[in-house]
PDB file of N, CA and C in Angstrom:
ATOM      1  N   MET A   1      -0.066 116.920   4.376  1.00  0.00           N
ATOM      2  CA  MET A   1      -1.533 116.139   3.948  1.00  0.00           C
ATOM      3  C   MET A   1      -1.086 115.690   2.898  1.00  0.00           C
ATOM      4  N   LYS A   2       0.022 116.739   1.648  1.00  0.00           N
ATOM      5  CA  LYS A   2       0.629 116.658   0.513  1.00  0.00           C
ATOM      6  C   LYS A   2       1.013 115.234   0.628  1.00  0.00           C
ATOM      7  N   GLU A   3       2.182 114.302   0.838  1.00  0.00           N
ATOM      8  CA  GLU A   3       2.731 113.412   1.310  1.00  0.00           C
ATOM      9  C   GLU A   3       1.711 112.033   1.194  1.00  0.00           C
ATOM     10  N   ILE A   4       0.346 112.047   1.935  1.00  0.00           N
ATOM     11  CA  ILE A   4      -0.688 111.264   2.363  1.00  0.00           C
ATOM     12  C   ILE A   4      -1.340 110.651   0.823  1.00  0.00           C
ATOM     13  N   LEU A   5      -1.791 112.310   0.118  1.00  0.00           N
ATOM     14  CA  LEU A   5      -1.920 112.048  -1.069  1.00  0.00           C
ATOM     15  C   LEU A   5      -0.712 111.526  -2.021  1.00  0.00           C
ATOM     16  N   ASP A   6       0.321 111.578  -1.355  1.00  0.00           N
ATOM     17  CA  ASP A   6       1.500 111.108  -2.557  1.00  0.00           C
ATOM     18  C   ASP A   6       1.679 109.040  -2.201  1.00  0.00           C
ATOM     19  N   ASP A   7       1.075 109.155  -1.610  1.00  0.00           N
ATOM     20  CA  ASP A   7       1.591 108.146  -0.795  1.00  0.00           C
ATOM     21  C   ASP A   7       0.288 106.998  -1.886  1.00  0.00           C
ATOM     22  N   ILE A   8      -0.756 107.975  -1.176  1.00  0.00           N
ATOM     23  CA  ILE A   8      -1.825 106.738  -1.940  1.00  0.00           C
ATOM     24  C   ILE A   8      -2.049 107.574  -3.345  1.00  0.00           C
ATOM     25  N   ARG A   9      -1.284 108.288  -4.462  1.00  0.00           N
ATOM     26  CA  ARG A   9      -0.764 107.486  -5.076  1.00  0.00           C
ATOM     27  C   ARG A   9      -0.018 106.355  -5.881  1.00  0.00           C
ATOM     28  N   ALA A  10       0.780 106.503  -5.323  1.00  0.00           N
ATOM     29  CA  ALA A  10       2.155 105.578  -4.799  1.00  0.00           C
ATOM     30  C   ALA A  10       1.782 105.223  -5.378  1.00  0.00           C
ATOM     31  N   ALA A  11       1.232 104.538  -3.675  1.00  0.00           N
ATOM     32  CA  ALA A  11       0.236 102.894  -4.335  1.00  0.00           C
ATOM     33  C   ALA A  11      -0.631 102.626  -4.936  1.00  0.00           C
ATOM     34  N   GLU A  12      -1.033 103.629  -5.102  1.00  0.00           N
ATOM     35  CA  GLU A  12      -2.057 103.190  -6.412  1.00  0.00           C
ATOM     36  C   GLU A  12      -0.936 102.586  -8.122  1.00  0.00           C
ATOM     37  N   SER A  13      -0.289 103.493  -8.431  1.00  0.00           N
ATOM     38  CA  SER A  13       0.531 103.207  -9.448  1.00  0.00           C
ATOM     39  C   SER A  13       1.185 102.110  -9.526  1.00  0.00           C
ATOM     40  N   GLU A  14       1.502 101.371  -7.746  1.00  0.00           N
ATOM     41  CA  GLU A  14       2.316 100.979  -7.194  1.00  0.00           C
ATOM     42  C   GLU A  14       1.361  98.825  -7.675  1.00  0.00           C
ATOM     43  N   ALA A  15      -0.379  99.441  -7.258  1.00  0.00           N
ATOM     44  CA  ALA A  15      -1.268  98.699  -6.968  1.00  0.00           C
ATOM     45  C   ALA A  15      -1.545  98.424  -8.468  1.00  0.00           C
ATOM     46  N   LYS A  16      -1.348  99.607  -9.851  1.00  0.00           N
ATOM     47  CA  LYS A  16      -1.810  99.765 -11.415  1.00  0.00           C
ATOM     48  C   LYS A  16      -0.449  98.275 -11.063  1.00  0.00           C
ATOM     49  N   ALA A  17       0.499  99.174 -11.387  1.00  0.00           N
ATOM     50  CA  ALA A  17       1.941  97.932 -11.678  1.00  0.00           C
ATOM     51  C   ALA A  17       1.440  96.488 -12.040  1.00  0.00           C
ATOM     52  N   MET A  18       1.085  95.526 -10.354  1.00  0.00           N
ATOM     53  CA  MET A  18       1.254  94.878  -9.509  1.00  0.00           C
ATOM     54  C   MET A  18      -0.628  94.274 -10.820  1.00  0.00           C
ATOM     55  N   VAL A  19      -1.366  95.077 -11.256  1.00  0.00           N
ATOM     56  CA  VAL A  19      -2.616  94.090 -11.557  1.00  0.00           C
ATOM     57  C   VAL A  19      -2.106  94.265 -12.720  1.00  0.00           C
ATOM     58  N   GLU A  20      -1.797  94.824 -13.827  1.00  0.00           N
ATOM     59  CA  GLU A  20      -0.899  94.684 -14.820  1.00  0.00           C
ATOM     60  C   GLU A  20       0.176  93.674 -15.641  1.00  0.00           C
ATOM     61  N   GLU A  21       0.941  93.593 -14.739  1.00  0.00           N
ATOM     62  CA  GLU A  21       1.573  92.971 -14.113  1.00  0.00           C
ATOM     63  C   GLU A  21       1.061  91.252 -14.547  1.00  0.00           C
ATOM     64  N   ALA A  22       0.097  90.992 -13.280  1.00  0.00           N
ATOM     65  CA  ALA A  22      -0.446  89.941 -12.978  1.00  0.00           C
ATOM     66  C   ALA A  22      -1.247  89.708 -13.974  1.00  0.00           C
ATOM     67  N   GLU A  23      -1.824  90.477 -14.706  1.00  0.00           N
ATOM     68  CA  GLU A  23      -2.992  89.874 -16.203  1.00  0.00           C
ATOM     69  C   GLU A  23      -1.729  89.818 -17.376  1.00  0.00           C
ATOM     70  N   LYS A  24      -0.481  90.064 -17.551  1.00  0.00           N
ATOM     71  CA  LYS A  24       0.576  90.175 -17.998  1.00  0.00           C
ATOM     72  C   LYS A  24       0.929  88.592 -17.423  1.00  0.00           C
ATOM     73  N   GLU A  25       1.061  88.415 -17.059  1.00  0.00           N
ATOM     74  CA  GLU A  25       1.458  86.306 -17.047  1.00  0.00           C
ATOM     75  C   GLU A  25      -0.251  85.445 -16.890  1.00  0.00           C
ATOM     76  N   ALA A  26      -1.087  85.874 -16.483  1.00  0.00           N
ATOM     77  CA  ALA A  26      -2.208  85.651 -16.917  1.00  0.00           C
ATOM     78  C   ALA A  26      -2.092  84.923 -18.273  1.00  0.00           C
ATOM     79  N   ARG A  27      -2.090  86.365 -19.005  1.00  0.00           N
ATOM     80  CA  ARG A  27      -2.281  86.168 -20.792  1.00  0.00           C
ATOM     81  C   ARG A  27      -0.857  85.242 -21.020  1.00  0.00           C
ATOM     82  N   SER A  28      -0.281  85.104 -20.441  1.00  0.00           N
ATOM     83  CA  SER A  28       1.379  84.304 -20.324  1.00  0.00           C
ATOM     84  C   SER A  28       0.735  82.762 -20.227  1.00  0.00           C
ATOM     85  N   ILE A  29       0.239  82.717 -19.350  1.00  0.00           N
ATOM     86  CA  ILE A  29      -0.204  80.911 -18.500  1.00  0.00           C
ATOM     87  C   ILE A  29      -0.871  80.823 -18.885  1.00  0.00           C
ATOM     88  N   VAL A  30      -2.076  81.630 -20.238  1.00  0.00           N
ATOM     89  CA  VAL A  30      -3.520  81.094 -20.610  1.00  0.00           C
ATOM     90  C   VAL A  30      -2.758  80.551 -22.413  1.00  0.00           C
ATOM     91  N   ALA A  31      -2.052  81.521 -22.063  1.00  0.00           N
ATOM     92  CA  ALA A  31      -1.018  81.070 -23.941  1.00  0.00           C
ATOM     93  C   ALA A  31      -0.397  79.957 -23.673  1.00  0.00           C
ATOM     94  N   LYS A  32       0.339  79.050 -22.914  1.00  0.00           N
ATOM     95  CA  LYS A  32       0.993  78.552 -22.619  1.00  0.00           C
ATOM     96  C   LYS A  32       0.107  77.014 -22.429  1.00  0.00           C
ATOM     97  N   ALA A  33      -0.787  77.257 -21.738  1.00  0.00           N
ATOM     98  CA  ALA A  33      -1.547  76.330 -21.464  1.00  0.00           C
ATOM     99  C   ALA A  33      -2.133  75.952 -23.151  1.00  0.00           C
ATOM    100  N   ASN A  34      -2.940  76.781 -23.803  1.00  0.00           N
ATOM    101  CA  ASN A  34      -3.256  76.586 -25.451  1.00  0.00           C
ATOM    102  C   ASN A  34      -2.203  76.000 -25.547  1.00  0.00           C
ATOM    103  N   ARG A  35      -1.268  75.808 -25.388  1.00  0.00           N
ATOM    104  CA  ARG A  35       0.060  75.942 -26.657  1.00  0.00           C
ATOM    105  C   ARG A  35       0.061  74.107 -25.925  1.00  0.00           C
ATOM    106  N   GLU A  36      -0.031  73.629 -25.025  1.00  0.00           N
ATOM    107  CA  GLU A  36      -0.088  72.509 -24.612  1.00  0.00           C
ATOM    108  C   GLU A  36      -0.839  71.929 -25.051  1.00  0.00           C
ATOM    109  N   ALA A  37      -2.228  72.585 -24.471  1.00  0.00           N
ATOM    110  CA  ALA A  37      -3.830  71.760 -25.286  1.00  0.00           C
ATOM    111  C   ALA A  37      -3.432  71.231 -26.783  1.00  0.00           C
ATOM    112  N   GLU A  38      -2.674  71.826 -27.306  1.00  0.00           N
ATOM    113  CA  GLU A  38      -3.064  72.495 -28.448  1.00  0.00           C
ATOM    114  C   GLU A  38      -2.049  71.100 -28.325  1.00  0.00           C
ATOM    115  N   GLU A  39      -0.781  70.017 -28.174  1.00  0.00           N
ATOM    116  CA  GLU A  39       0.331  69.470 -28.629  1.00  0.00           C
ATOM    117  C   GLU A  39      -0.434  68.217 -28.184  1.00  0.00           C
ATOM    118  N   ILE A  40      -1.118  68.443 -27.213  1.00  0.00           N
ATOM    119  CA  ILE A  40      -2.094  67.225 -26.723  1.00  0.00           C
ATOM    120  C   ILE A  40      -2.719  66.880 -27.645  1.00  0.00           C
ATOM    121  N   ILE A  41      -3.057  67.787 -28.573  1.00  0.00           N
ATOM    122  CA  ILE A  41      -3.993  67.567 -29.227  1.00  0.00           C
ATOM    123  C   ILE A  41      -3.901  66.777 -29.939  1.00  0.00           C
ATOM    124  N   PHE A  42      -2.950  66.978 -31.185  1.00  0.00           N
ATOM    125  CA  PHE A  42      -1.360  66.888 -32.011  1.00  0.00           C
ATOM    126  C   PHE A  42      -1.601  65.301 -32.040  1.00  0.00           C
ATOM    127  N   GLY A  43      -1.462  64.869 -30.474  1.00  0.00           N
ATOM    128  CA  GLY A  43       0.180  64.129 -29.960  1.00  0.00           C
ATOM    129  C   GLY A  43      -1.338  63.199 -29.978  1.00  0.00           C
ATOM    130  N   ALA A  44      -2.423  63.017 -29.712  1.00  0.00           N
ATOM    131  CA  ALA A  44      -3.231  61.934 -29.671  1.00  0.00           C
ATOM    132  C   ALA A  44      -3.821  62.019 -30.883  1.00  0.00           C
ATOM    133  N   ARG A  45      -4.156  62.863 -31.844  1.00  0.00           N
ATOM    134  CA  ARG A  45      -4.550  62.757 -33.290  1.00  0.00           C
ATOM    135  C   ARG A  45      -3.541  62.238 -33.782  1.00  0.00           C
ATOM    136  N   LYS A  46      -2.272  61.879 -33.857  1.00  0.00           N
ATOM    137  CA  LYS A  46      -1.537  61.368 -34.159  1.00  0.00           C
ATOM    138  C   LYS A  46      -1.142  59.859 -34.058  1.00  0.00           C
ATOM    139  N   LYS A  47      -1.396  59.868 -32.642  1.00  0.00           N
ATOM    140  CA  LYS A  47      -1.359  58.757 -32.403  1.00  0.00           C
ATOM    141  C   LYS A  47      -2.462  57.527 -32.886  1.00  0.00           C
ATOM    142  N   SER A  48      -3.959  58.335 -32.585  1.00  0.00           N
ATOM    143  CA  SER A  48      -5.501  58.027 -32.873  1.00  0.00           C
ATOM    144  C   SER A  48      -5.223  57.712 -34.619  1.00  0.00           C
ATOM    145  N   GLU A  49      -4.729  58.326 -35.660  1.00  0.00           N
ATOM    146  CA  GLU A  49      -4.063  57.726 -36.877  1.00  0.00           C
ATOM    147  C   GLU A  49      -3.289  56.993 -36.995  1.00  0.00           C
ATOM    148  N   GLU A  50      -3.086  56.404 -36.470  1.00  0.00           N
ATOM    149  CA  GLU A  50      -1.114  55.549 -36.168  1.00  0.00           C
ATOM    150  C   GLU A  50      -2.281  54.097 -35.364  1.00  0.00           C
ATOM    151  N   ILE A  51      -2.819  54.438 -34.645  1.00  0.00           N
ATOM    152  CA  ILE A  51      -3.897  52.286 -34.108  1.00  0.00           C
ATOM    153  C   ILE A  51      -5.399  52.668 -35.242  1.00  0.00           C
ATOM    154  N   LEU A  52      -5.603  53.718 -35.734  1.00  0.00           N
ATOM    155  CA  LEU A  52      -6.422  53.312 -37.104  1.00  0.00           C
ATOM    156  C   LEU A  52      -5.425  52.435 -38.596  1.00  0.00           C
ATOM    157  N   LYS A  53      -4.932  52.275 -38.389  1.00  0.00           N
ATOM    158  CA  LYS A  53      -3.812  52.302 -39.632  1.00  0.00           C
ATOM    159  C   LYS A  53      -3.373  50.809 -39.403  1.00  0.00           C
ATOM    160  N   ASP A  54      -2.799  50.608 -38.083  1.00  0.00           N
ATOM    161  CA  ASP A  54      -2.550  50.113 -37.540  1.00  0.00           C
ATOM    162  C   ASP A  54      -4.006  48.380 -37.381  1.00  0.00           C
ATOM    163  N   ILE A  55      -4.528  49.439 -37.113  1.00  0.00           N
ATOM    164  CA  ILE A  55      -6.382  48.207 -37.074  1.00  0.00           C
ATOM    165  C   ILE A  55      -6.596  48.013 -38.535  1.00  0.00           C
ATOM    166  N   VAL A  56      -6.705  49.170 -39.540  1.00  0.00           N
ATOM    167  CA  VAL A  56      -6.451  48.712 -40.986  1.00  0.00           C
ATOM    168  C   VAL A  56      -5.651  47.263 -41.118  1.00  0.00           C
ATOM    169  N   GLU A  57      -4.842  47.753 -41.186  1.00  0.00           N
ATOM    170  CA  GLU A  57      -3.849  46.750 -42.047  1.00  0.00           C
ATOM    171  C   GLU A  57      -3.511  45.239 -41.018  1.00  0.00           C
ATOM    172  N   ASN A  58      -4.034  45.390 -39.255  1.00  0.00           N
ATOM    173  CA  ASN A  58      -4.113  44.133 -39.172  1.00  0.00           C
ATOM    174  C   ASN A  58      -5.316  42.837 -39.790  1.00  0.00           C
ATOM    175  N   ALA A  59      -6.717  44.529 -40.044  1.00  0.00           N
ATOM    176  CA  ALA A  59      -8.005  43.652 -41.326  1.00  0.00           C
ATOM    177  C   ALA A  59      -7.894  43.276 -41.988  1.00  0.00           C
ATOM    178  N   LYS A  60      -6.572  44.023 -42.778  1.00  0.00           N
ATOM    179  CA  LYS A  60      -6.435  43.753 -43.864  1.00  0.00           C
ATOM    180  C   LYS A  60      -5.300  42.371 -44.013  1.00  0.00           C
ATOM    181  N   LYS A  61      -4.961  41.656 -43.410  1.00  0.00           N
ATOM    182  CA  LYS A  61      -3.600  40.529 -42.893  1.00  0.00           C
ATOM    183  C   LYS A  61      -4.501  39.570 -42.612  1.00  0.00           C
ATOM    184  N   GLU A  62      -5.770  40.121 -41.857  1.00  0.00           N
ATOM    185  CA  GLU A  62      -6.143  39.122 -41.431  1.00  0.00           C
ATOM    186  C   GLU A  62      -7.428  38.605 -42.051  1.00  0.00           C
ATOM    187  N   ALA A  63      -8.215  39.477 -43.364  1.00  0.00           N
ATOM    188  CA  ALA A  63      -8.759  39.007 -44.493  1.00  0.00           C
ATOM    189  C   ALA A  63      -7.911  37.835 -45.018  1.00  0.00           C
ATOM    190  N   GLU A  64      -6.808  38.531 -45.888  1.00  0.00           N
ATOM    191  CA  GLU A  64      -6.211  38.415 -46.742  1.00  0.00           C
ATOM    192  C   GLU A  64      -5.589  36.437 -46.588  1.00  0.00           C
ATOM    193  N   ALA A  65      -5.886  36.472 -45.538  1.00  0.00           N
ATOM    194  CA  ALA A  65      -5.206  35.095 -44.808  1.00  0.00           C
ATOM    195  C   ALA A  65      -6.257  34.042 -44.296  1.00  0.00           C
ATOM    196  N   GLU A  66      -8.251  34.697 -44.400  1.00  0.00           N
ATOM    197  CA  GLU A  66      -9.385  34.085 -44.867  1.00  0.00           C
ATOM    198  C   GLU A  66      -8.839  33.402 -45.957  1.00  0.00           C
ATOM    199  N   ALA A  67      -8.549  35.128 -46.743  1.00  0.00           N
ATOM    200  CA  ALA A  67      -9.130  34.363 -48.676  1.00  0.00           C
ATOM    201  C   ALA A  67      -7.797  33.024 -48.729  1.00  0.00           C
ATOM    202  N   LEU A  68      -6.777  33.600 -48.155  1.00  0.00           N
ATOM    203  CA  LEU A  68      -6.078  32.276 -48.944  1.00  0.00           C
ATOM    204  C   LEU A  68      -6.047  31.279 -48.079  1.00  0.00           C
ATOM    205  N   SER A  69      -7.238  30.660 -47.076  1.00  0.00           N
ATOM    206  CA  SER A  69      -7.465  29.625 -46.660  1.00  0.00           C
ATOM    207  C   SER A  69      -9.031  28.860 -47.769  1.00  0.00           C
ATOM    208  N   LEU A  70      -9.622  29.880 -47.463  1.00  0.00           N
ATOM    209  CA  LEU A  70     -10.729  29.537 -48.673  1.00  0.00           C
ATOM    210  C   LEU A  70     -10.243  29.288 -49.530  1.00  0.00           C
ATOM    211  N   LYS A  71      -9.310  29.761 -49.459  1.00  0.00           N
ATOM    212  CA  LYS A  71      -8.978  29.322 -51.982  1.00  0.00           C
ATOM    213  C   LYS A  71      -8.329  27.770 -51.683  1.00  0.00           C
ATOM    214  N   GLU A  72      -7.530  28.363 -50.484  1.00  0.00           N
ATOM    215  CA  GLU A  72      -7.202  26.373 -50.736  1.00  0.00           C
ATOM    216  C   GLU A  72      -8.129  24.703 -49.838  1.00  0.00           C
ATOM    217  N   GLU A  73      -9.309  26.026 -49.677  1.00  0.00           N
ATOM    218  CA  GLU A  73     -10.032  24.769 -48.954  1.00  0.00           C
ATOM    219  C   GLU A  73     -11.072  24.687 -50.054  1.00  0.00           C
ATOM    220  N   TYR A  74     -11.160  26.040 -50.579  1.00  0.00           N
ATOM    221  CA  TYR A  74     -11.797  25.199 -52.508  1.00  0.00           C
ATOM    222  C   TYR A  74     -11.046  24.189 -53.660  1.00  0.00           C
ATOM    223  N   GLU A  75     -10.100  24.724 -53.617  1.00  0.00           N
ATOM    224  CA  GLU A  75      -8.586  24.097 -53.738  1.00  0.00           C
ATOM    225  C   GLU A  75      -9.196  23.053 -53.621  1.00  0.00           C
ATOM    226  N   ASN A  76      -8.765  22.535 -52.915  1.00  0.00           N
ATOM    227  CA  ASN A  76      -9.177  20.990 -52.542  1.00  0.00           C
ATOM    228  C   ASN A  76     -10.591  20.581 -53.185  1.00  0.00           C
ATOM    229  N   LYS A  77     -11.287  20.487 -52.606  1.00  0.00           N
ATOM    230  CA  LYS A  77     -12.546  20.390 -52.454  1.00  0.00           C
ATOM    231  C   LYS A  77     -12.349  20.263 -54.270  1.00  0.00           C
ATOM    232  N   ILE A  78     -11.775  20.873 -55.048  1.00  0.00           N
ATOM    233  CA  ILE A  78     -12.183  20.613 -56.529  1.00  0.00           C
ATOM    234  C   ILE A  78     -11.577  19.777 -57.462  1.00  0.00           C
ATOM    235  N   LYS A  79     -10.312  19.404 -56.504  1.00  0.00           N
ATOM    236  CA  LYS A  79      -9.731  18.344 -57.287  1.00  0.00           C
ATOM    237  C   LYS A  79     -10.037  17.365 -56.557  1.00  0.00           C
ATOM    238  N   LYS A  80     -10.680  16.897 -55.319  1.00  0.00           N
ATOM    239  CA  LYS A  80     -11.434  16.035 -54.843  1.00  0.00           C
ATOM    240  C   LYS A  80     -12.538  15.694 -56.206  1.00  0.00           C
ATOM    241  N   LEU A  81     -13.582  16.526 -56.409  1.00  0.00           N
ATOM    242  CA  LEU A  81     -14.538  16.470 -57.503  1.00  0.00           C
ATOM    243  C   LEU A  81     -13.534  15.890 -58.457  1.00  0.00           C
ATOM    244  N   VAL A  82     -12.681  16.586 -59.155  1.00  0.00           N
ATOM    245  CA  VAL A  82     -11.812  16.304 -60.315  1.00  0.00           C
ATOM    246  C   VAL A  82     -11.924  14.937 -60.209  1.00  0.00           C
ATOM    247  N   GLU A  83     -11.611  14.172 -59.270  1.00  0.00           N
ATOM    248  CA  GLU A  83     -10.364  13.135 -59.569  1.00  0.00           C
ATOM    249  C   GLU A  83     -11.871  11.983 -59.177  1.00  0.00           C
ATOM    250  N   CYS A  84     -12.658  11.845 -58.152  1.00  0.00           N
ATOM    251  CA  CYS A  84     -14.051  11.010 -58.559  1.00  0.00           C
ATOM    252  C   CYS A  84     -14.742  11.191 -59.727  1.00  0.00           C
ATOM    253  N   SER A  85     -14.454  11.794 -59.902  1.00  0.00           N
ATOM    254  CA  SER A  85     -14.849  12.493 -61.936  1.00  0.00           C
ATOM    255  C   SER A  85     -14.407  10.701 -63.011  1.00  0.00           C
ATOM    256  N   LYS A  86     -13.048  11.150 -62.241  1.00  0.00           N
ATOM    257  CA  LYS A  86     -12.068  11.259 -63.697  1.00  0.00           C
ATOM    258  C   LYS A  86     -11.885   9.583 -62.741  1.00  0.00           C
ATOM    259  N   GLU A  87     -12.625   8.584 -62.135  1.00  0.00           N
ATOM    260  CA  GLU A  87     -12.781   7.568 -61.155  1.00  0.00           C
ATOM    261  C   GLU A  87     -14.098   6.941 -61.639  1.00  0.00           C
ATOM    262  N   ARG A  88     -14.437   8.072 -62.198  1.00  0.00           N
ATOM    263  CA  ARG A  88     -16.308   7.279 -62.605  1.00  0.00           C
ATOM    264  C   ARG A  88     -16.158   7.013 -63.649  1.00  0.00           C
ATOM    265  N   ILE A  89     -15.337   7.580 -64.531  1.00  0.00           N
ATOM    266  CA  ILE A  89     -15.517   8.023 -66.436  1.00  0.00           C
ATOM    267  C   ILE A  89     -15.856   6.318 -67.057  1.00  0.00           C
ATOM    268  N   PRO A  90     -14.160   5.185 -66.364  1.00  0.00           N
ATOM    269  CA  PRO A  90     -14.033   4.121 -66.807  1.00  0.00           C
ATOM    270  C   PRO A  90     -15.751   3.824 -66.828  1.00  0.00           C
ATOM    271  N   GLY A  91     -16.614   4.100 -65.322  1.00  0.00           N
ATOM    272  CA  GLY A  91     -18.255   3.112 -65.150  1.00  0.00           C
ATOM    273  C   GLY A  91     -18.557   3.718 -66.446  1.00  0.00           C
ATOM    274  N   VAL A  92     -19.099   5.019 -66.439  1.00  0.00           N
ATOM    275  CA  VAL A  92     -19.942   5.638 -66.719  1.00  0.00           C
ATOM    276  C   VAL A  92     -19.556   5.579 -68.881  1.00  0.00           C
ATOM    277  N   ALA A  93     -18.161   4.968 -69.482  1.00  0.00           N
ATOM    278  CA  ALA A  93     -18.426   4.763 -70.574  1.00  0.00           C
ATOM    279  C   ALA A  93     -18.343   3.167 -70.898  1.00  0.00           C
ATOM    280  N   ASP A  94     -18.517   2.436 -69.455  1.00  0.00           N
ATOM    281  CA  ASP A  94     -18.884   1.202 -69.671  1.00  0.00           C
ATOM    282  C   ASP A  94     -20.370   1.277 -70.223  1.00  0.00           C
ATOM    283  N   PHE A  95     -20.989   1.981 -68.973  1.00  0.00           N
ATOM    284  CA  PHE A  95     -21.969   2.498 -68.943  1.00  0.00           C
ATOM    285  C   PHE A  95     -22.829   2.616 -71.045  1.00  0.00           C
ATOM    286  N   ILE A  96     -22.247   3.349 -71.072  1.00  0.00           N
ATOM    287  CA  ILE A  96     -22.810   4.771 -72.382  1.00  0.00           C
ATOM    288  C   ILE A  96     -22.625   2.681 -73.528  1.00  0.00           C
ATOM    289  N   VAL A  97     -20.939   2.898 -73.253  1.00  0.00           N
ATOM    290  CA  VAL A  97     -21.016   1.274 -74.390  1.00  0.00           C
ATOM    291  C   VAL A  97     -22.521   0.381 -74.239  1.00  0.00           C
ATOM    292  N   LYS A  98     -22.759  -0.099 -73.311  1.00  0.00           N
ATOM    293  CA  LYS A  98     -23.569  -0.756 -72.754  1.00  0.00           C
ATOM    294  C   LYS A  98     -24.997  -0.917 -73.565  1.00  0.00           C
ATOM    295  N   LYS A  99     -25.325   0.677 -73.370  1.00  0.00           N
ATOM    296  CA  LYS A  99     -26.940   1.259 -73.674  1.00  0.00           C
ATOM    297  C   LYS A  99     -26.445   1.567 -75.209  1.00  0.00           C
ATOM    298  N   VAL A 100     -25.261   1.504 -75.952  1.00  0.00           N
ATOM    299  CA  VAL A 100     -25.824   1.689 -77.597  1.00  0.00           C
ATOM    300  C   VAL A 100     -25.793   0.426 -77.543  1.00  0.00           C
ATOM    301  N   VAL A 101     -25.023  -0.368 -77.698  1.00  0.00           N
ATOM    302  CA  VAL A 101     -25.160  -2.004 -77.953  1.00  0.00           C
ATOM    303  C   VAL A 101     -26.691  -2.373 -78.225  1.00  0.00           C
ATOM    304  N   THR A 102     -27.312  -2.421 -76.758  1.00  0.00           N
ATOM    305  CA  THR A 102     -28.864  -2.780 -76.607  1.00  0.00           C
ATOM    306  C   THR A 102     -29.636  -2.297 -77.276  1.00  0.00           C
ATOM    307  N   LEU A 103     -28.604  -0.387 -77.204  1.00  0.00           N
ATOM    308  CA  LEU A 103     -30.026  -0.480 -78.660  1.00  0.00           C
ATOM    309  C   LEU A 103     -30.058  -0.697 -79.953  1.00  0.00           C
ATOM    310  N   TYR A 104     -28.563  -0.581 -79.809  1.00  0.00           N
ATOM    311  CA  TYR A 104     -28.417  -1.058 -81.317  1.00  0.00           C
ATOM    312  C   TYR A 104     -28.299  -2.167 -81.916  1.00  0.00           C
ATOM    313  N   GLY A 105     -27.377  -2.911 -80.680  1.00  0.00           N
ATOM    314  CA  GLY A 105     -27.008  -4.406 -81.786  1.00  0.00           C
ATOM    315  C   GLY A 105     -25.835  -3.960 -81.513  1.00  0.00           C
ATOM    316  N   ASN A 106     -25.224  -5.439 -81.820  1.00  0.00           N
ATOM    317  CA  ASN A 106     -23.320  -6.029 -82.542  1.00  0.00           C
ATOM    318  C   ASN A 106     -23.608  -5.492 -83.922  1.00  0.00           C
ATOM    319  N   SER A 107     -23.931  -4.737 -84.971  1.00  0.00           N
ATOM    320  CA  SER A 107     -23.577  -4.525 -85.885  1.00  0.00           C
ATOM    321  C   SER A 107     -22.401  -4.248 -86.773  1.00  0.00           C
TER     322      SER A 107
END
């Protein structure tokens, strides 16, 4: 009978050791999974920051290109207006002279 009790105690002790080992292994697996999850999250965060940085840089480049294009367009319009105005100056001057002469005569 004592042998049976000893066998039962030994089996219980062995089972307890197995449970403890399984719990230890489970904690180890969970800890490893947590570390891997943190690494994945860190990597994803870093990649999203890089993507955002690229998006912002591209948007700035596009805005600068658009601003330069608009600047050139308006500079060309200004040049045309100035040229047009310069071409009209002699005609306007003649008109003013004729008005003054007509009003005040040849004195």
